[in-house]
Amino acid sequence: RTAVDTVWSVEQIVEQNLFFRSDSSF
C-alpha cells in the first residue's frame, strides 16, 4: 500500500543491513 517496500529487493536488504551494522554514528 502507498508504494511501501513491504519486502525489499536483495540489493536493498544487503545495502541496508551492511550500512546499519557499520555506520559509526548509529
PDB file of all heavy atoms in Angstrom:
ATOM      1  N   ARG A   1       0.836  -1.211   0.000  1.00  0.00           N
ATOM      2  CA  ARG A   1       0.000   0.000   0.000  1.00  0.00           C
ATOM      3  C   ARG A   1       0.868   1.258   0.000  1.00  0.00           C
ATOM      4  O   ARG A   1       1.927   1.271   0.589  1.00  0.00           O
ATOM      5  CB  ARG A   1      -0.904   0.011   1.230  1.00  0.00           C
ATOM      6  CG  ARG A   1      -1.910  -1.105   1.217  1.00  0.00           C
ATOM      7  CD  ARG A   1      -2.795  -1.042   2.462  1.00  0.00           C
ATOM      8  NE  ARG A   1      -3.652  -2.203   2.507  1.00  0.00           N
ATOM      9  CZ  ARG A   1      -4.829  -2.284   1.892  1.00  0.00           C
ATOM     10  NH1 ARG A   1      -5.285  -1.260   1.215  1.00  0.00           N
ATOM     11  NH2 ARG A   1      -5.553  -3.390   1.972  1.00  0.00           N
ATOM     12  N   THR A   2       0.401   2.262  -0.650  1.00  0.00           N
ATOM     13  CA  THR A   2       1.066   3.573  -0.766  1.00  0.00           C
ATOM     14  C   THR A   2       2.531   3.447  -1.175  1.00  0.00           C
ATOM     15  O   THR A   2       3.391   4.194  -0.706  1.00  0.00           O
ATOM     16  CB  THR A   2       0.934   4.416   0.529  1.00  0.00           C
ATOM     17  OG1 THR A   2       1.599   3.743   1.614  1.00  0.00           O
ATOM     18  CG2 THR A   2      -0.528   4.662   0.891  1.00  0.00           C
ATOM     19  N   ALA A   3       2.819   2.482  -2.038  1.00  0.00           N
ATOM     20  CA  ALA A   3       4.155   2.251  -2.617  1.00  0.00           C
ATOM     21  C   ALA A   3       5.231   1.957  -1.571  1.00  0.00           C
ATOM     22  O   ALA A   3       6.398   2.234  -1.779  1.00  0.00           O
ATOM     23  CB  ALA A   3       4.562   3.428  -3.501  1.00  0.00           C
ATOM     24  N   VAL A   4       4.833   1.363  -0.448  1.00  0.00           N
ATOM     25  CA  VAL A   4       5.780   0.998   0.607  1.00  0.00           C
ATOM     26  C   VAL A   4       6.486  -0.293   0.231  1.00  0.00           C
ATOM     27  O   VAL A   4       5.866  -1.243  -0.249  1.00  0.00           O
ATOM     28  CB  VAL A   4       5.047   0.838   1.958  1.00  0.00           C
ATOM     29  CG1 VAL A   4       5.925   0.173   2.993  1.00  0.00           C
ATOM     30  CG2 VAL A   4       4.568   2.185   2.452  1.00  0.00           C
ATOM     31  N   ASP A   5       7.792  -0.337   0.468  1.00  0.00           N
ATOM     32  CA  ASP A   5       8.582  -1.545   0.223  1.00  0.00           C
ATOM     33  C   ASP A   5       8.351  -2.527   1.365  1.00  0.00           C
ATOM     34  O   ASP A   5       9.142  -2.613   2.306  1.00  0.00           O
ATOM     35  CB  ASP A   5      10.072  -1.210   0.106  1.00  0.00           C
ATOM     36  CG  ASP A   5      10.409  -0.546  -1.200  1.00  0.00           C
ATOM     37  OD1 ASP A   5       9.889  -0.989  -2.248  1.00  0.00           O
ATOM     38  OD2 ASP A   5      11.186   0.418  -1.190  1.00  0.00           O
ATOM     39  N   THR A   6       7.270  -3.269   1.270  1.00  0.00           N
ATOM     40  CA  THR A   6       6.907  -4.237   2.296  1.00  0.00           C
ATOM     41  C   THR A   6       8.004  -5.282   2.446  1.00  0.00           C
ATOM     42  O   THR A   6       8.350  -5.676   3.557  1.00  0.00           O
ATOM     43  CB  THR A   6       5.560  -4.904   1.933  1.00  0.00           C
ATOM     44  OG1 THR A   6       4.576  -3.865   1.775  1.00  0.00           O
ATOM     45  CG2 THR A   6       5.116  -5.876   3.002  1.00  0.00           C
ATOM     46  N   VAL A   7       8.554  -5.729   1.322  1.00  0.00           N
ATOM     47  CA  VAL A   7       9.749  -6.582   1.299  1.00  0.00           C
ATOM     48  C   VAL A   7      10.710  -5.960   0.302  1.00  0.00           C
ATOM     49  O   VAL A   7      10.354  -5.711  -0.846  1.00  0.00           O
ATOM     50  CB  VAL A   7       9.424  -8.037   0.889  1.00  0.00           C
ATOM     51  CG1 VAL A   7      10.701  -8.871   0.815  1.00  0.00           C
ATOM     52  CG2 VAL A   7       8.430  -8.669   1.859  1.00  0.00           C
ATOM     53  N   TRP A   8      11.923  -5.689   0.769  1.00  0.00           N
ATOM     54  CA  TRP A   8      12.936  -5.061  -0.072  1.00  0.00           C
ATOM     55  C   TRP A   8      13.504  -6.030  -1.101  1.00  0.00           C
ATOM     56  O   TRP A   8      13.403  -7.242  -0.951  1.00  0.00           O
ATOM     57  CB  TRP A   8      14.098  -4.574   0.773  1.00  0.00           C
ATOM     58  CG  TRP A   8      13.793  -3.496   1.749  1.00  0.00           C
ATOM     59  CD1 TRP A   8      12.793  -2.565   1.682  1.00  0.00           C
ATOM     60  CD2 TRP A   8      14.514  -3.218   2.955  1.00  0.00           C
ATOM     61  NE1 TRP A   8      12.856  -1.726   2.767  1.00  0.00           N
ATOM     62  CE2 TRP A   8      13.904  -2.103   3.564  1.00  0.00           C
ATOM     63  CE3 TRP A   8      15.614  -3.797   3.568  1.00  0.00           C
ATOM     64  CZ2 TRP A   8      14.368  -1.560   4.759  1.00  0.00           C
ATOM     65  CZ3 TRP A   8      16.072  -3.258   4.757  1.00  0.00           C
ATOM     66  CH2 TRP A   8      15.455  -2.150   5.342  1.00  0.00           C
ATOM     67  N   SER A   9      14.165  -5.476  -2.094  1.00  0.00           N
ATOM     68  CA  SER A   9      14.926  -6.277  -3.052  1.00  0.00           C
ATOM     69  C   SER A   9      16.159  -6.835  -2.351  1.00  0.00           C
ATOM     70  O   SER A   9      16.570  -6.340  -1.295  1.00  0.00           O
ATOM     71  CB  SER A   9      15.366  -5.412  -4.238  1.00  0.00           C
ATOM     72  OG  SER A   9      16.317  -4.457  -3.794  1.00  0.00           O
ATOM     73  N   VAL A  10      16.776  -7.855  -2.940  1.00  0.00           N
ATOM     74  CA  VAL A  10      18.003  -8.428  -2.386  1.00  0.00           C
ATOM     75  C   VAL A  10      19.055  -7.341  -2.216  1.00  0.00           C
ATOM     76  O   VAL A  10      19.701  -7.241  -1.165  1.00  0.00           O
ATOM     77  CB  VAL A  10      18.549  -9.557  -3.296  1.00  0.00           C
ATOM     78  CG1 VAL A  10      19.901 -10.046  -2.801  1.00  0.00           C
ATOM     79  CG2 VAL A  10      17.557 -10.689  -3.396  1.00  0.00           C
ATOM     80  N   GLU A  11      19.216  -6.510  -3.223  1.00  0.00           N
ATOM     81  CA  GLU A  11      20.224  -5.440  -3.163  1.00  0.00           C
ATOM     82  C   GLU A  11      19.977  -4.512  -1.979  1.00  0.00           C
ATOM     83  O   GLU A  11      20.890  -4.160  -1.237  1.00  0.00           O
ATOM     84  CB  GLU A  11      20.235  -4.646  -4.464  1.00  0.00           C
ATOM     85  CG  GLU A  11      21.249  -3.526  -4.472  1.00  0.00           C
ATOM     86  CD  GLU A  11      21.233  -2.738  -5.776  1.00  0.00           C
ATOM     87  OE1 GLU A  11      20.714  -3.239  -6.782  1.00  0.00           O
ATOM     88  OE2 GLU A  11      21.747  -1.609  -5.757  1.00  0.00           O
ATOM     89  N   GLN A  12      18.731  -4.122  -1.779  1.00  0.00           N
ATOM     90  CA  GLN A  12      18.416  -3.221  -0.679  1.00  0.00           C
ATOM     91  C   GLN A  12      18.606  -3.909   0.669  1.00  0.00           C
ATOM     92  O   GLN A  12      19.065  -3.281   1.632  1.00  0.00           O
ATOM     93  CB  GLN A  12      16.996  -2.674  -0.811  1.00  0.00           C
ATOM     94  CG  GLN A  12      16.700  -1.564   0.173  1.00  0.00           C
ATOM     95  CD  GLN A  12      15.373  -0.887  -0.073  1.00  0.00           C
ATOM     96  OE1 GLN A  12      14.617  -1.264  -0.961  1.00  0.00           O
ATOM     97  NE2 GLN A  12      15.071   0.122   0.716  1.00  0.00           N
ATOM     98  N   ILE A  13      18.271  -5.189   0.766  1.00  0.00           N
ATOM     99  CA  ILE A  13      18.489  -5.938   2.008  1.00  0.00           C
ATOM    100  C   ILE A  13      19.968  -5.898   2.378  1.00  0.00           C
ATOM    101  O   ILE A  13      20.331  -5.584   3.510  1.00  0.00           O
ATOM    102  CB  ILE A  13      17.983  -7.390   1.875  1.00  0.00           C
ATOM    103  CG1 ILE A  13      16.448  -7.409   1.817  1.00  0.00           C
ATOM    104  CG2 ILE A  13      18.503  -8.260   3.029  1.00  0.00           C
ATOM    105  CD1 ILE A  13      15.855  -8.757   1.454  1.00  0.00           C
ATOM    106  N   VAL A  14      20.821  -6.191   1.416  1.00  0.00           N
ATOM    107  CA  VAL A  14      22.265  -6.198   1.686  1.00  0.00           C
ATOM    108  C   VAL A  14      22.745  -4.805   2.062  1.00  0.00           C
ATOM    109  O   VAL A  14      23.407  -4.614   3.084  1.00  0.00           O
ATOM    110  CB  VAL A  14      23.046  -6.744   0.474  1.00  0.00           C
ATOM    111  CG1 VAL A  14      24.550  -6.548   0.652  1.00  0.00           C
ATOM    112  CG2 VAL A  14      22.721  -8.210   0.248  1.00  0.00           C
ATOM    113  N   GLU A  15      22.425  -3.815   1.248  1.00  0.00           N
ATOM    114  CA  GLU A  15      22.932  -2.460   1.484  1.00  0.00           C
ATOM    115  C   GLU A  15      22.470  -1.905   2.825  1.00  0.00           C
ATOM    116  O   GLU A  15      23.270  -1.323   3.567  1.00  0.00           O
ATOM    117  CB  GLU A  15      22.526  -1.521   0.340  1.00  0.00           C
ATOM    118  CG  GLU A  15      23.116  -1.886  -1.011  1.00  0.00           C
ATOM    119  CD  GLU A  15      24.634  -2.029  -1.003  1.00  0.00           C
ATOM    120  OE1 GLU A  15      25.321  -1.208  -0.342  1.00  0.00           O
ATOM    121  OE2 GLU A  15      25.135  -2.977  -1.629  1.00  0.00           O
ATOM    122  N   GLN A  16      21.193  -2.056   3.143  1.00  0.00           N
ATOM    123  CA  GLN A  16      20.677  -1.507   4.400  1.00  0.00           C
ATOM    124  C   GLN A  16      21.283  -2.212   5.611  1.00  0.00           C
ATOM    125  O   GLN A  16      21.650  -1.560   6.587  1.00  0.00           O
ATOM    126  CB  GLN A  16      19.151  -1.605   4.445  1.00  0.00           C
ATOM    127  CG  GLN A  16      18.457  -0.643   3.523  1.00  0.00           C
ATOM    128  CD  GLN A  16      18.700   0.799   3.927  1.00  0.00           C
ATOM    129  OE1 GLN A  16      18.655   1.166   5.096  1.00  0.00           O
ATOM    130  NE2 GLN A  16      18.977   1.638   2.957  1.00  0.00           N
ATOM    131  N   ASN A  17      21.395  -3.538   5.553  1.00  0.00           N
ATOM    132  CA  ASN A  17      21.960  -4.254   6.687  1.00  0.00           C
ATOM    133  C   ASN A  17      23.430  -3.938   6.886  1.00  0.00           C
ATOM    134  O   ASN A  17      23.876  -3.734   8.023  1.00  0.00           O
ATOM    135  CB  ASN A  17      21.722  -5.762   6.540  1.00  0.00           C
ATOM    136  CG  ASN A  17      20.313  -6.127   6.940  1.00  0.00           C
ATOM    137  OD1 ASN A  17      20.007  -6.234   8.115  1.00  0.00           O
ATOM    138  ND2 ASN A  17      19.439  -6.273   5.951  1.00  0.00           N
ATOM    139  N   LEU A  18      24.206  -3.873   5.817  1.00  0.00           N
ATOM    140  CA  LEU A  18      25.620  -3.526   5.952  1.00  0.00           C
ATOM    141  C   LEU A  18      25.788  -2.102   6.475  1.00  0.00           C
ATOM    142  O   LEU A  18      26.645  -1.841   7.320  1.00  0.00           O
ATOM    143  CB  LEU A  18      26.354  -3.710   4.624  1.00  0.00           C
ATOM    144  CG  LEU A  18      26.476  -5.162   4.132  1.00  0.00           C
ATOM    145  CD1 LEU A  18      27.189  -5.211   2.791  1.00  0.00           C
ATOM    146  CD2 LEU A  18      27.168  -6.038   5.165  1.00  0.00           C
ATOM    147  N   PHE A  19      24.960  -1.198   6.012  1.00  0.00           N
ATOM    148  CA  PHE A  19      25.009   0.184   6.483  1.00  0.00           C
ATOM    149  C   PHE A  19      24.697   0.268   7.976  1.00  0.00           C
ATOM    150  O   PHE A  19      25.420   0.892   8.747  1.00  0.00           O
ATOM    151  CB  PHE A  19      24.038   1.047   5.674  1.00  0.00           C
ATOM    152  CG  PHE A  19      23.933   2.457   6.173  1.00  0.00           C
ATOM    153  CD1 PHE A  19      24.986   3.347   6.021  1.00  0.00           C
ATOM    154  CD2 PHE A  19      22.783   2.895   6.800  1.00  0.00           C
ATOM    155  CE1 PHE A  19      24.896   4.651   6.487  1.00  0.00           C
ATOM    156  CE2 PHE A  19      22.679   4.192   7.274  1.00  0.00           C
ATOM    157  CZ  PHE A  19      23.741   5.075   7.115  1.00  0.00           C
ATOM    158  N   PHE A  20      23.615  -0.366   8.391  1.00  0.00           N
ATOM    159  CA  PHE A  20      23.221  -0.293   9.796  1.00  0.00           C
ATOM    160  C   PHE A  20      24.253  -0.923  10.718  1.00  0.00           C
ATOM    161  O   PHE A  20      24.423  -0.500  11.850  1.00  0.00           O
ATOM    162  CB  PHE A  20      21.849  -0.951  10.004  1.00  0.00           C
ATOM    163  CG  PHE A  20      20.713   0.007   9.845  1.00  0.00           C
ATOM    164  CD1 PHE A  20      20.370   0.493   8.597  1.00  0.00           C
ATOM    165  CD2 PHE A  20      19.987   0.435  10.938  1.00  0.00           C
ATOM    166  CE1 PHE A  20      19.330   1.395   8.440  1.00  0.00           C
ATOM    167  CE2 PHE A  20      18.949   1.335  10.792  1.00  0.00           C
ATOM    168  CZ  PHE A  20      18.618   1.816   9.541  1.00  0.00           C
ATOM    169  N   ARG A  21      24.943  -1.932  10.241  1.00  0.00           N
ATOM    170  CA  ARG A  21      25.944  -2.610  11.072  1.00  0.00           C
ATOM    171  C   ARG A  21      27.282  -1.880  11.112  1.00  0.00           C
ATOM    172  O   ARG A  21      28.089  -2.146  11.997  1.00  0.00           O
ATOM    173  CB  ARG A  21      26.170  -4.027  10.549  1.00  0.00           C
ATOM    174  CG  ARG A  21      24.954  -4.904  10.707  1.00  0.00           C
ATOM    175  CD  ARG A  21      25.165  -6.246  10.066  1.00  0.00           C
ATOM    176  NE  ARG A  21      23.906  -6.963   9.999  1.00  0.00           N
ATOM    177  CZ  ARG A  21      23.732  -8.059   9.309  1.00  0.00           C
ATOM    178  NH1 ARG A  21      24.742  -8.594   8.641  1.00  0.00           N
ATOM    179  NH2 ARG A  21      22.555  -8.649   9.285  1.00  0.00           N
ATOM    180  N   SER A  22      27.527  -0.988  10.156  1.00  0.00           N
ATOM    181  CA  SER A  22      28.856  -0.382  10.071  1.00  0.00           C
ATOM    182  C   SER A  22      28.892   1.128  10.307  1.00  0.00           C
ATOM    183  O   SER A  22      29.970   1.681  10.507  1.00  0.00           O
ATOM    184  CB  SER A  22      29.473  -0.686   8.703  1.00  0.00           C
ATOM    185  OG  SER A  22      28.710  -0.055   7.679  1.00  0.00           O
ATOM    186  N   ASP A  23      27.771   1.809  10.277  1.00  0.00           N
ATOM    187  CA  ASP A  23      27.755   3.255  10.430  1.00  0.00           C
ATOM    188  C   ASP A  23      28.130   3.644  11.861  1.00  0.00           C
ATOM    189  O   ASP A  23      27.462   3.250  12.820  1.00  0.00           O
ATOM    190  CB  ASP A  23      26.373   3.806  10.072  1.00  0.00           C
ATOM    191  CG  ASP A  23      26.345   5.315  10.082  1.00  0.00           C
ATOM    192  OD1 ASP A  23      26.647   5.925   9.041  1.00  0.00           O
ATOM    193  OD2 ASP A  23      26.040   5.875  11.150  1.00  0.00           O
ATOM    194  N   SER A  24      29.189   4.415  12.014  1.00  0.00           N
ATOM    195  CA  SER A  24      29.686   4.765  13.353  1.00  0.00           C
ATOM    196  C   SER A  24      28.703   5.651  14.132  1.00  0.00           C
ATOM    197  O   SER A  24      28.617   5.553  15.355  1.00  0.00           O
ATOM    198  CB  SER A  24      31.050   5.444  13.261  1.00  0.00           C
ATOM    199  OG  SER A  24      30.968   6.628  12.497  1.00  0.00           O
ATOM    200  N   SER A  25      27.964   6.504  13.440  1.00  0.00           N
ATOM    201  CA  SER A  25      27.005   7.343  14.164  1.00  0.00           C
ATOM    202  C   SER A  25      25.856   6.500  14.724  1.00  0.00           C
ATOM    203  O   SER A  25      25.334   6.788  15.797  1.00  0.00           O
ATOM    204  CB  SER A  25      26.469   8.460  13.273  1.00  0.00           C
ATOM    205  OG  SER A  25      25.729   7.938  12.194  1.00  0.00           O
ATOM    206  N   PHE A  26      25.476   5.449  14.007  1.00  0.00           N
ATOM    207  CA  PHE A  26      24.430   4.556  14.513  1.00  0.00           C
ATOM    208  C   PHE A  26      24.911   3.831  15.758  1.00  0.00           C
ATOM    209  O   PHE A  26      24.143   3.588  16.681  1.00  0.00           O
ATOM    210  CB  PHE A  26      24.017   3.547  13.455  1.00  0.00           C
ATOM    211  CG  PHE A  26      23.065   4.092  12.420  1.00  0.00           C
ATOM    212  CD1 PHE A  26      22.795   5.436  12.306  1.00  0.00           C
ATOM    213  CD2 PHE A  26      22.421   3.232  11.556  1.00  0.00           C
ATOM    214  CE1 PHE A  26      21.919   5.928  11.356  1.00  0.00           C
ATOM    215  CE2 PHE A  26      21.537   3.707  10.598  1.00  0.00           C
ATOM    216  CZ  PHE A  26      21.285   5.051  10.504  1.00  0.00           C
TER     217      PHE A  26
END
